[in-house]
PDB file of N, CA and C in Angstrom:
ATOM      1  N   MET A   1     281.916 -77.004 229.407  1.00  0.00           N
ATOM      2  CA  MET A   1     282.439 -78.277 228.950  1.00  0.00           C
ATOM      3  C   MET A   1     283.439 -78.841 229.970  1.00  0.00           C
ATOM      4  N   LEU A   2     284.319 -77.996 230.483  1.00  0.00           N
ATOM      5  CA  LEU A   2     285.302 -78.465 231.458  1.00  0.00           C
ATOM      6  C   LEU A   2     284.610 -79.028 232.686  1.00  0.00           C
ATOM      7  N   GLY A   3     283.533 -78.388 233.125  1.00  0.00           N
ATOM      8  CA  GLY A   3     282.792 -78.871 234.283  1.00  0.00           C
ATOM      9  C   GLY A   3     282.273 -80.276 234.073  1.00  0.00           C
ATOM     10  N   ALA A   4     281.743 -80.563 232.895  1.00  0.00           N
ATOM     11  CA  ALA A   4     281.233 -81.908 232.592  1.00  0.00           C
ATOM     12  C   ALA A   4     282.356 -82.921 232.588  1.00  0.00           C
ATOM     13  N   VAL A   5     283.482 -82.560 232.014  1.00  0.00           N
ATOM     14  CA  VAL A   5     284.632 -83.469 231.988  1.00  0.00           C
ATOM     15  C   VAL A   5     285.098 -83.766 233.408  1.00  0.00           C
ATOM     16  N   LEU A   6     285.183 -82.749 234.239  1.00  0.00           N
ATOM     17  CA  LEU A   6     285.667 -82.951 235.593  1.00  0.00           C
ATOM     18  C   LEU A   6     284.665 -83.698 236.458  1.00  0.00           C
ATOM     19  N   THR A   7     283.383 -83.623 236.121  1.00  0.00           N
ATOM     20  CA  THR A   7     282.394 -84.462 236.792  1.00  0.00           C
ATOM     21  C   THR A   7     282.743 -85.913 236.554  1.00  0.00           C
ATOM     22  N   LEU A   8     283.076 -86.242 235.324  1.00  0.00           N
ATOM     23  CA  LEU A   8     283.450 -87.612 235.000  1.00  0.00           C
ATOM     24  C   LEU A   8     284.763 -87.996 235.670  1.00  0.00           C
ATOM     25  N   LEU A   9     285.651 -87.054 235.868  1.00  0.00           N
ATOM     26  CA  LEU A   9     286.912 -87.359 236.539  1.00  0.00           C
ATOM     27  C   LEU A   9     286.668 -87.800 237.975  1.00  0.00           C
ATOM     28  N   LEU A  10     285.752 -87.118 238.653  1.00  0.00           N
ATOM     29  CA  LEU A  10     285.456 -87.518 240.024  1.00  0.00           C
ATOM     30  C   LEU A  10     284.833 -88.903 240.046  1.00  0.00           C
ATOM     31  N   LEU A  11     283.961 -89.174 239.086  1.00  0.00           N
ATOM     32  CA  LEU A  11     283.372 -90.503 239.003  1.00  0.00           C
ATOM     33  C   LEU A  11     284.446 -91.537 238.717  1.00  0.00           C
ATOM     34  N   GLY A  12     285.321 -91.248 237.767  1.00  0.00           N
ATOM     35  CA  GLY A  12     286.395 -92.181 237.446  1.00  0.00           C
ATOM     36  C   GLY A  12     287.272 -92.450 238.637  1.00  0.00           C
ATOM     37  N   GLY A  13     287.460 -91.430 239.450  1.00  0.00           N
ATOM     38  CA  GLY A  13     288.272 -91.602 240.641  1.00  0.00           C
ATOM     39  C   GLY A  13     287.621 -92.486 241.681  1.00  0.00           C
ATOM     40  N   CYS A  14     286.334 -92.625 241.612  1.00  0.00           N
ATOM     41  CA  CYS A  14     285.624 -93.427 242.602  1.00  0.00           C
ATOM     42  C   CYS A  14     285.621 -94.915 242.268  1.00  0.00           C
ATOM     43  N   THR A  15     285.854 -95.248 241.033  1.00  0.00           N
ATOM     44  CA  THR A  15     285.744 -96.645 240.647  1.00  0.00           C
ATOM     45  C   THR A  15     286.824 -97.491 241.281  1.00  0.00           C
ATOM     46  N   GLY A  16     286.473 -98.700 241.621  1.00  0.00           N
ATOM     47  CA  GLY A  16     287.411 -99.605 242.276  1.00  0.00           C
ATOM     48  C   GLY A  16     288.412-100.198 241.305  1.00  0.00           C
ATOM     49  N   ARG A  17     289.665-100.207 241.673  1.00  0.00           N
ATOM     50  CA  ARG A  17     290.728-100.791 240.878  1.00  0.00           C
ATOM     51  C   ARG A  17     291.329-101.992 241.596  1.00  0.00           C
ATOM     52  N   LYS A  18     291.197-102.012 242.900  1.00  0.00           N
ATOM     53  CA  LYS A  18     291.764-103.044 243.746  1.00  0.00           C
ATOM     54  C   LYS A  18     290.636-103.573 244.624  1.00  0.00           C
ATOM     55  N   PRO A  19     290.916-104.412 245.601  1.00  0.00           N
ATOM     56  CA  PRO A  19     289.844-104.896 246.464  1.00  0.00           C
ATOM     57  C   PRO A  19     289.016-103.757 247.041  1.00  0.00           C
ATOM     58  N   THR A  20     287.736-104.013 247.230  1.00  0.00           N
ATOM     59  CA  THR A  20     286.827-102.993 247.725  1.00  0.00           C
ATOM     60  C   THR A  20     287.228-102.557 249.124  1.00  0.00           C
ATOM     61  N   PRO A  21     287.553-101.284 249.291  1.00  0.00           N
ATOM     62  CA  PRO A  21     287.954-100.771 250.604  1.00  0.00           C
ATOM     63  C   PRO A  21     286.745-100.582 251.520  1.00  0.00           C
ATOM     64  N   THR A  22     287.009-100.447 252.803  1.00  0.00           N
ATOM     65  CA  THR A  22     285.946-100.254 253.781  1.00  0.00           C
ATOM     66  C   THR A  22     286.062 -98.915 254.511  1.00  0.00           C
ATOM     67  N   ASP A  23     287.094 -98.139 254.194  1.00  0.00           N
ATOM     68  CA  ASP A  23     287.262 -96.822 254.796  1.00  0.00           C
ATOM     69  C   ASP A  23     288.256 -96.019 253.966  1.00  0.00           C
ATOM     70  N   TYR A  24     288.512 -94.796 254.416  1.00  0.00           N
ATOM     71  CA  TYR A  24     289.488 -93.949 253.732  1.00  0.00           C
ATOM     72  C   TYR A  24     290.894 -94.377 254.133  1.00  0.00           C
ATOM     73  N   GLY A  25     291.331 -95.486 253.640  1.00  0.00           N
ATOM     74  CA  GLY A  25     292.677 -95.960 253.897  1.00  0.00           C
ATOM     75  C   GLY A  25     293.498 -95.880 252.623  1.00  0.00           C
ATOM     76  N   GLU A  26     294.614 -96.546 252.628  1.00  0.00           N
ATOM     77  CA  GLU A  26     295.524 -96.502 251.482  1.00  0.00           C
ATOM     78  C   GLU A  26     294.894 -97.098 250.220  1.00  0.00           C
ATOM     79  N   THR A  27     294.081 -98.147 250.379  1.00  0.00           N
ATOM     80  CA  THR A  27     293.443 -98.753 249.205  1.00  0.00           C
ATOM     81  C   THR A  27     292.483 -97.782 248.545  1.00  0.00           C
ATOM     82  N   THR A  28     291.677 -97.087 249.353  1.00  0.00           N
ATOM     83  CA  THR A  28     290.742 -96.102 248.803  1.00  0.00           C
ATOM     84  C   THR A  28     291.509 -94.994 248.096  1.00  0.00           C
ATOM     85  N   ARG A  29     292.555 -94.507 248.720  1.00  0.00           N
ATOM     86  CA  ARG A  29     293.363 -93.432 248.131  1.00  0.00           C
ATOM     87  C   ARG A  29     293.977 -93.885 246.802  1.00  0.00           C
ATOM     88  N   THR A  30     294.561 -95.074 246.814  1.00  0.00           N
ATOM     89  CA  THR A  30     295.186 -95.604 245.596  1.00  0.00           C
ATOM     90  C   THR A  30     294.159 -95.774 244.483  1.00  0.00           C
ATOM     91  N   ASN A  31     293.013 -96.380 244.814  1.00  0.00           N
ATOM     92  CA  ASN A  31     291.958 -96.571 243.811  1.00  0.00           C
ATOM     93  C   ASN A  31     291.495 -95.236 243.241  1.00  0.00           C
ATOM     94  N   PHE A  32     291.258 -94.278 244.125  1.00  0.00           N
ATOM     95  CA  PHE A  32     290.777 -92.981 243.680  1.00  0.00           C
ATOM     96  C   PHE A  32     291.789 -92.305 242.764  1.00  0.00           C
ATOM     97  N   LEU A  33     293.043 -92.244 243.209  1.00  0.00           N
ATOM     98  CA  LEU A  33     294.059 -91.543 242.425  1.00  0.00           C
ATOM     99  C   LEU A  33     294.321 -92.217 241.087  1.00  0.00           C
ATOM    100  N   LEU A  34     294.324 -93.549 241.054  1.00  0.00           N
ATOM    101  CA  LEU A  34     294.514 -94.251 239.782  1.00  0.00           C
ATOM    102  C   LEU A  34     293.404 -93.916 238.799  1.00  0.00           C
ATOM    103  N   GLY A  35     292.170 -94.038 239.255  1.00  0.00           N
ATOM    104  CA  GLY A  35     291.039 -93.762 238.376  1.00  0.00           C
ATOM    105  C   GLY A  35     290.963 -92.313 237.960  1.00  0.00           C
ATOM    106  N   CYS A  36     291.143 -91.425 238.900  1.00  0.00           N
ATOM    107  CA  CYS A  36     291.060 -90.000 238.615  1.00  0.00           C
ATOM    108  C   CYS A  36     292.166 -89.561 237.665  1.00  0.00           C
ATOM    109  N   ASN A  37     293.394 -89.973 237.929  1.00  0.00           N
ATOM    110  CA  ASN A  37     294.510 -89.576 237.061  1.00  0.00           C
ATOM    111  C   ASN A  37     294.344 -90.101 235.649  1.00  0.00           C
ATOM    112  N   GLU A  38     293.863 -91.315 235.522  1.00  0.00           N
ATOM    113  CA  GLU A  38     293.631 -91.904 234.204  1.00  0.00           C
ATOM    114  C   GLU A  38     292.625 -91.062 233.423  1.00  0.00           C
ATOM    115  N   GLU A  39     291.516 -90.751 234.077  1.00  0.00           N
ATOM    116  CA  GLU A  39     290.469 -89.961 233.436  1.00  0.00           C
ATOM    117  C   GLU A  39     290.924 -88.526 233.165  1.00  0.00           C
ATOM    118  N   ALA A  40     291.618 -87.933 234.121  1.00  0.00           N
ATOM    119  CA  ALA A  40     292.075 -86.552 233.965  1.00  0.00           C
ATOM    120  C   ALA A  40     293.065 -86.444 232.812  1.00  0.00           C
ATOM    121  N   ASP A  41     293.978 -87.405 232.728  1.00  0.00           N
ATOM    122  CA  ASP A  41     294.955 -87.405 231.651  1.00  0.00           C
ATOM    123  C   ASP A  41     294.260 -87.553 230.296  1.00  0.00           C
ATOM    124  N   ALA A  42     293.313 -88.480 230.215  1.00  0.00           N
ATOM    125  CA  ALA A  42     292.577 -88.700 228.964  1.00  0.00           C
ATOM    126  C   ALA A  42     291.764 -87.468 228.566  1.00  0.00           C
ATOM    127  N   ALA A  43     291.308 -86.708 229.563  1.00  0.00           N
ATOM    128  CA  ALA A  43     290.512 -85.510 229.299  1.00  0.00           C
ATOM    129  C   ALA A  43     291.372 -84.284 228.994  1.00  0.00           C
ATOM    130  N   GLY A  44     292.694 -84.429 229.131  1.00  0.00           N
ATOM    131  CA  GLY A  44     293.581 -83.314 228.816  1.00  0.00           C
ATOM    132  C   GLY A  44     293.739 -82.299 229.931  1.00  0.00           C
ATOM    133  N   VAL A  45     293.451 -82.693 231.158  1.00  0.00           N
ATOM    134  CA  VAL A  45     293.643 -81.789 232.293  1.00  0.00           C
ATOM    135  C   VAL A  45     295.134 -81.504 232.419  1.00  0.00           C
ATOM    136  N   SER A  46     295.493 -80.229 232.547  1.00  0.00           N
ATOM    137  CA  SER A  46     296.911 -79.860 232.527  1.00  0.00           C
ATOM    138  C   SER A  46     297.690 -80.352 233.745  1.00  0.00           C
ATOM    139  N   LYS A  47     297.054 -80.439 234.878  1.00  0.00           N
ATOM    140  CA  LYS A  47     297.722 -80.910 236.103  1.00  0.00           C
ATOM    141  C   LYS A  47     296.880 -82.002 236.749  1.00  0.00           C
ATOM    142  N   PRO A  48     296.754 -83.159 236.102  1.00  0.00           N
ATOM    143  CA  PRO A  48     295.856 -84.195 236.622  1.00  0.00           C
ATOM    144  C   PRO A  48     296.229 -84.689 238.013  1.00  0.00           C
ATOM    145  N   ASP A  49     297.500 -84.855 238.284  1.00  0.00           N
ATOM    146  CA  ASP A  49     297.914 -85.359 239.587  1.00  0.00           C
ATOM    147  C   ASP A  49     297.515 -84.389 240.696  1.00  0.00           C
ATOM    148  N   ALA A  50     297.767 -83.112 240.478  1.00  0.00           N
ATOM    149  CA  ALA A  50     297.411 -82.094 241.471  1.00  0.00           C
ATOM    150  C   ALA A  50     295.897 -82.014 241.656  1.00  0.00           C
ATOM    151  N   TYR A  51     295.160 -82.054 240.556  1.00  0.00           N
ATOM    152  CA  TYR A  51     293.696 -82.013 240.631  1.00  0.00           C
ATOM    153  C   TYR A  51     293.159 -83.205 241.426  1.00  0.00           C
ATOM    154  N   CYS A  52     293.661 -84.390 241.138  1.00  0.00           N
ATOM    155  CA  CYS A  52     293.170 -85.603 241.790  1.00  0.00           C
ATOM    156  C   CYS A  52     293.548 -85.646 243.268  1.00  0.00           C
ATOM    157  N   LYS A  53     294.765 -85.244 243.598  1.00  0.00           N
ATOM    158  CA  LYS A  53     295.167 -85.204 245.005  1.00  0.00           C
ATOM    159  C   LYS A  53     294.320 -84.200 245.775  1.00  0.00           C
ATOM    160  N   CYS A  54     294.071 -83.059 245.188  1.00  0.00           N
ATOM    161  CA  CYS A  54     293.223 -82.054 245.811  1.00  0.00           C
ATOM    162  C   CYS A  54     291.819 -82.625 246.027  1.00  0.00           C
ATOM    163  N   SER A  55     291.280 -83.256 245.010  1.00  0.00           N
ATOM    164  CA  SER A  55     289.929 -83.813 245.103  1.00  0.00           C
ATOM    165  C   SER A  55     289.843 -84.844 246.218  1.00  0.00           C
ATOM    166  N   TYR A  56     290.807 -85.744 246.273  1.00  0.00           N
ATOM    167  CA  TYR A  56     290.781 -86.777 247.298  1.00  0.00           C
ATOM    168  C   TYR A  56     290.895 -86.169 248.699  1.00  0.00           C
ATOM    169  N   THR A  57     291.790 -85.234 248.862  1.00  0.00           N
ATOM    170  CA  THR A  57     291.972 -84.581 250.162  1.00  0.00           C
ATOM    171  C   THR A  57     290.677 -83.911 250.613  1.00  0.00           C
ATOM    172  N   GLU A  58     290.029 -83.205 249.711  1.00  0.00           N
ATOM    173  CA  GLU A  58     288.779 -82.515 250.045  1.00  0.00           C
ATOM    174  C   GLU A  58     287.657 -83.505 250.336  1.00  0.00           C
ATOM    175  N   ILE A  59     287.598 -84.597 249.595  1.00  0.00           N
ATOM    176  CA  ILE A  59     286.579 -85.618 249.840  1.00  0.00           C
ATOM    177  C   ILE A  59     286.746 -86.180 251.246  1.00  0.00           C
ATOM    178  N   VAL A  60     287.962 -86.552 251.597  1.00  0.00           N
ATOM    179  CA  VAL A  60     288.226 -87.122 252.922  1.00  0.00           C
ATOM    180  C   VAL A  60     287.866 -86.129 254.025  1.00  0.00           C
ATOM    181  N   LYS A  61     288.173 -84.855 253.808  1.00  0.00           N
ATOM    182  CA  LYS A  61     287.908 -83.823 254.825  1.00  0.00           C
ATOM    183  C   LYS A  61     286.425 -83.534 254.994  1.00  0.00           C
ATOM    184  N   THR A  62     285.629 -83.673 253.931  1.00  0.00           N
ATOM    185  CA  THR A  62     284.258 -83.167 253.982  1.00  0.00           C
ATOM    186  C   THR A  62     283.150 -84.204 253.830  1.00  0.00           C
ATOM    187  N   ILE A  63     283.489 -85.416 253.420  1.00  0.00           N
ATOM    188  CA  ILE A  63     282.450 -86.414 253.174  1.00  0.00           C
ATOM    189  C   ILE A  63     282.748 -87.684 253.960  1.00  0.00           C
ATOM    190  N   PRO A  64     281.854 -88.078 254.869  1.00  0.00           N
ATOM    191  CA  PRO A  64     282.053 -89.340 255.591  1.00  0.00           C
ATOM    192  C   PRO A  64     282.130 -90.507 254.597  1.00  0.00           C
ATOM    193  N   TYR A  65     282.892 -91.529 254.944  1.00  0.00           N
ATOM    194  CA  TYR A  65     283.143 -92.627 254.011  1.00  0.00           C
ATOM    195  C   TYR A  65     281.862 -93.302 253.526  1.00  0.00           C
ATOM    196  N   ASP A  66     280.912 -93.543 254.418  1.00  0.00           N
ATOM    197  CA  ASP A  66     279.660 -94.184 253.997  1.00  0.00           C
ATOM    198  C   ASP A  66     278.922 -93.327 252.972  1.00  0.00           C
ATOM    199  N   GLU A  67     278.966 -92.026 253.149  1.00  0.00           N
ATOM    200  CA  GLU A  67     278.344 -91.121 252.186  1.00  0.00           C
ATOM    201  C   GLU A  67     279.101 -91.153 250.858  1.00  0.00           C
ATOM    202  N   PHE A  68     280.424 -91.228 250.914  1.00  0.00           N
ATOM    203  CA  PHE A  68     281.249 -91.341 249.715  1.00  0.00           C
ATOM    204  C   PHE A  68     280.853 -92.586 248.917  1.00  0.00           C
ATOM    205  N   LYS A  69     280.674 -93.715 249.607  1.00  0.00           N
ATOM    206  CA  LYS A  69     280.261 -94.951 248.928  1.00  0.00           C
ATOM    207  C   LYS A  69     278.891 -94.788 248.284  1.00  0.00           C
ATOM    208  N   GLU A  70     277.989 -94.111 248.979  1.00  0.00           N
ATOM    209  CA  GLU A  70     276.656 -93.878 248.440  1.00  0.00           C
ATOM    210  C   GLU A  70     276.722 -92.981 247.202  1.00  0.00           C
ATOM    211  N   ILE A  71     277.519 -91.938 247.267  1.00  0.00           N
ATOM    212  CA  ILE A  71     277.698 -91.044 246.113  1.00  0.00           C
ATOM    213  C   ILE A  71     278.267 -91.830 244.937  1.00  0.00           C
ATOM    214  N   ASN A  72     279.255 -92.670 245.201  1.00  0.00           N
ATOM    215  CA  ASN A  72     279.855 -93.477 244.156  1.00  0.00           C
ATOM    216  C   ASN A  72     278.796 -94.345 243.483  1.00  0.00           C
ATOM    217  N   SER A  73     277.955 -94.966 244.275  1.00  0.00           N
ATOM    218  CA  SER A  73     276.895 -95.819 243.742  1.00  0.00           C
ATOM    219  C   SER A  73     275.919 -95.005 242.895  1.00  0.00           C
ATOM    220  N   GLU A  74     275.527 -93.839 243.393  1.00  0.00           N
ATOM    221  CA  GLU A  74     274.608 -92.976 242.652  1.00  0.00           C
ATOM    222  C   GLU A  74     275.235 -92.491 241.352  1.00  0.00           C
ATOM    223  N   LEU A  75     276.514 -92.165 241.380  1.00  0.00           N
ATOM    224  CA  LEU A  75     277.195 -91.696 240.173  1.00  0.00           C
ATOM    225  C   LEU A  75     277.336 -92.813 239.147  1.00  0.00           C
ATOM    226  N   SER A  76     277.438 -94.041 239.612  1.00  0.00           N
ATOM    227  CA  SER A  76     277.503 -95.166 238.687  1.00  0.00           C
ATOM    228  C   SER A  76     276.200 -95.273 237.900  1.00  0.00           C
ATOM    229  N   ASP A  77     275.086 -94.958 238.561  1.00  0.00           N
ATOM    230  CA  ASP A  77     273.774 -95.019 237.912  1.00  0.00           C
ATOM    231  C   ASP A  77     273.479 -93.769 237.103  1.00  0.00           C
ATOM    232  N   SER A  78     273.964 -92.626 237.542  1.00  0.00           N
ATOM    233  CA  SER A  78     273.658 -91.349 236.902  1.00  0.00           C
ATOM    234  C   SER A  78     274.890 -90.444 236.924  1.00  0.00           C
ATOM    235  N   PRO A  79     275.855 -90.694 236.025  1.00  0.00           N
ATOM    236  CA  PRO A  79     277.136 -89.967 236.073  1.00  0.00           C
ATOM    237  C   PRO A  79     277.051 -88.471 235.764  1.00  0.00           C
ATOM    238  N   ASP A  80     275.932 -88.005 235.246  1.00  0.00           N
ATOM    239  CA  ASP A  80     275.812 -86.590 234.906  1.00  0.00           C
ATOM    240  C   ASP A  80     275.302 -85.739 236.066  1.00  0.00           C
ATOM    241  N   THR A  81     274.990 -86.371 237.204  1.00  0.00           N
ATOM    242  CA  THR A  81     274.416 -85.655 238.327  1.00  0.00           C
ATOM    243  C   THR A  81     275.356 -85.714 239.519  1.00  0.00           C
ATOM    244  N   LEU A  82     276.158 -84.676 239.658  1.00  0.00           N
ATOM    245  CA  LEU A  82     277.114 -84.615 240.762  1.00  0.00           C
ATOM    246  C   LEU A  82     276.457 -83.906 241.942  1.00  0.00           C
ATOM    247  N   PRO A  83     276.492 -84.525 243.140  1.00  0.00           N
ATOM    248  CA  PRO A  83     275.886 -83.878 244.314  1.00  0.00           C
ATOM    249  C   PRO A  83     276.595 -82.563 244.647  1.00  0.00           C
ATOM    250  N   PRO A  84     275.890 -81.663 245.335  1.00  0.00           N
ATOM    251  CA  PRO A  84     276.463 -80.345 245.662  1.00  0.00           C
ATOM    252  C   PRO A  84     277.824 -80.414 246.357  1.00  0.00           C
ATOM    253  N   LYS A  85     278.013 -81.338 247.283  1.00  0.00           N
ATOM    254  CA  LYS A  85     279.313 -81.440 247.962  1.00  0.00           C
ATOM    255  C   LYS A  85     280.425 -81.738 246.967  1.00  0.00           C
ATOM    256  N   MET A  86     280.150 -82.608 245.999  1.00  0.00           N
ATOM    257  CA  MET A  86     281.163 -82.965 245.011  1.00  0.00           C
ATOM    258  C   MET A  86     281.390 -81.815 244.026  1.00  0.00           C
ATOM    259  N   LEU A  87     280.330 -81.089 243.709  1.00  0.00           N
ATOM    260  CA  LEU A  87     280.484 -79.915 242.845  1.00  0.00           C
ATOM    261  C   LEU A  87     281.409 -78.893 243.498  1.00  0.00           C
ATOM    262  N   LYS A  88     281.223 -78.699 244.796  1.00  0.00           N
ATOM    263  CA  LYS A  88     282.061 -77.744 245.523  1.00  0.00           C
ATOM    264  C   LYS A  88     283.517 -78.204 245.506  1.00  0.00           C
ATOM    265  N   ILE A  89     283.736 -79.493 245.721  1.00  0.00           N
ATOM    266  CA  ILE A  89     285.098 -80.039 245.687  1.00  0.00           C
ATOM    267  C   ILE A  89     285.706 -79.863 244.306  1.00  0.00           C
ATOM    268  N   ARG A  90     284.938 -80.195 243.283  1.00  0.00           N
ATOM    269  CA  ARG A  90     285.420 -80.031 241.913  1.00  0.00           C
ATOM    270  C   ARG A  90     285.833 -78.596 241.660  1.00  0.00           C
ATOM    271  N   ASP A  91     284.958 -77.652 242.021  1.00  0.00           N
ATOM    272  CA  ASP A  91     285.240 -76.244 241.769  1.00  0.00           C
ATOM    273  C   ASP A  91     286.453 -75.756 242.564  1.00  0.00           C
ATOM    274  N   THR A  92     286.543 -76.173 243.827  1.00  0.00           N
ATOM    275  CA  THR A  92     287.690 -75.803 244.664  1.00  0.00           C
ATOM    276  C   THR A  92     288.989 -76.284 244.033  1.00  0.00           C
ATOM    277  N   CYS A  93     288.998 -77.530 243.592  1.00  0.00           N
ATOM    278  CA  CYS A  93     290.231 -78.104 243.047  1.00  0.00           C
ATOM    279  C   CYS A  93     290.562 -77.576 241.663  1.00  0.00           C
ATOM    280  N   ILE A  94     289.541 -77.231 240.892  1.00  0.00           N
ATOM    281  CA  ILE A  94     289.795 -76.577 239.606  1.00  0.00           C
ATOM    282  C   ILE A  94     290.516 -75.255 239.883  1.00  0.00           C
ATOM    283  N   ASP A  95     289.970 -74.478 240.819  1.00  0.00           N
ATOM    284  CA  ASP A  95     290.569 -73.174 241.150  1.00  0.00           C
ATOM    285  C   ASP A  95     291.994 -73.344 241.661  1.00  0.00           C
ATOM    286  N   GLU A  96     292.190 -74.285 242.583  1.00  0.00           N
ATOM    287  CA  GLU A  96     293.517 -74.466 243.177  1.00  0.00           C
ATOM    288  C   GLU A  96     294.573 -74.954 242.189  1.00  0.00           C
ATOM    289  N   THR A  97     294.178 -75.802 241.284  1.00  0.00           N
ATOM    290  CA  THR A  97     295.167 -76.384 240.370  1.00  0.00           C
ATOM    291  C   THR A  97     295.314 -75.626 239.057  1.00  0.00           C
ATOM    292  N   SER A  98     294.398 -74.701 238.807  1.00  0.00           N
ATOM    293  CA  SER A  98     294.531 -73.909 237.572  1.00  0.00           C
ATOM    294  C   SER A  98     295.214 -72.578 237.825  1.00  0.00           C
ATOM    295  N   GLY A  99     295.480 -72.281 239.098  1.00  0.00           N
ATOM    296  CA  GLY A  99     296.148 -71.035 239.427  1.00  0.00           C
ATOM    297  C   GLY A  99     295.206 -69.860 239.559  1.00  0.00           C
ATOM    298  N   SER A 100     293.869 -70.137 239.476  1.00  0.00           N
ATOM    299  CA  SER A 100     292.927 -69.031 239.582  1.00  0.00           C
ATOM    300  C   SER A 100     292.354 -68.877 240.983  1.00  0.00           C
ATOM    301  N   GLY A 101     292.804 -69.746 241.917  1.00  0.00           N
ATOM    302  CA  GLY A 101     292.237 -69.663 243.248  1.00  0.00           C
ATOM    303  C   GLY A 101     293.238 -69.230 244.271  1.00  0.00           C
TER     304      GLY A 101
END
């Protein structure tokens, strides 16, 4: 169940809150953290800020921006299907922020 909730958190973090960004700049970071924190808090994640910051950091490190935009688009159409790279990020950040990693 937690995995499904956190899948939605990553999707929520991808949604645009401000003007559409064109790269991993401050606007992308702000949009991601706002959406992710909102969803994480609503889902009852114990450390939503830490989880979302971890997720964003890992996304920037491992996924080129154009691929991130494509994933966001795909998740908008099919939110239950998280690509393997995003699953790995989710799992890494769950471990890091829950104290089990």
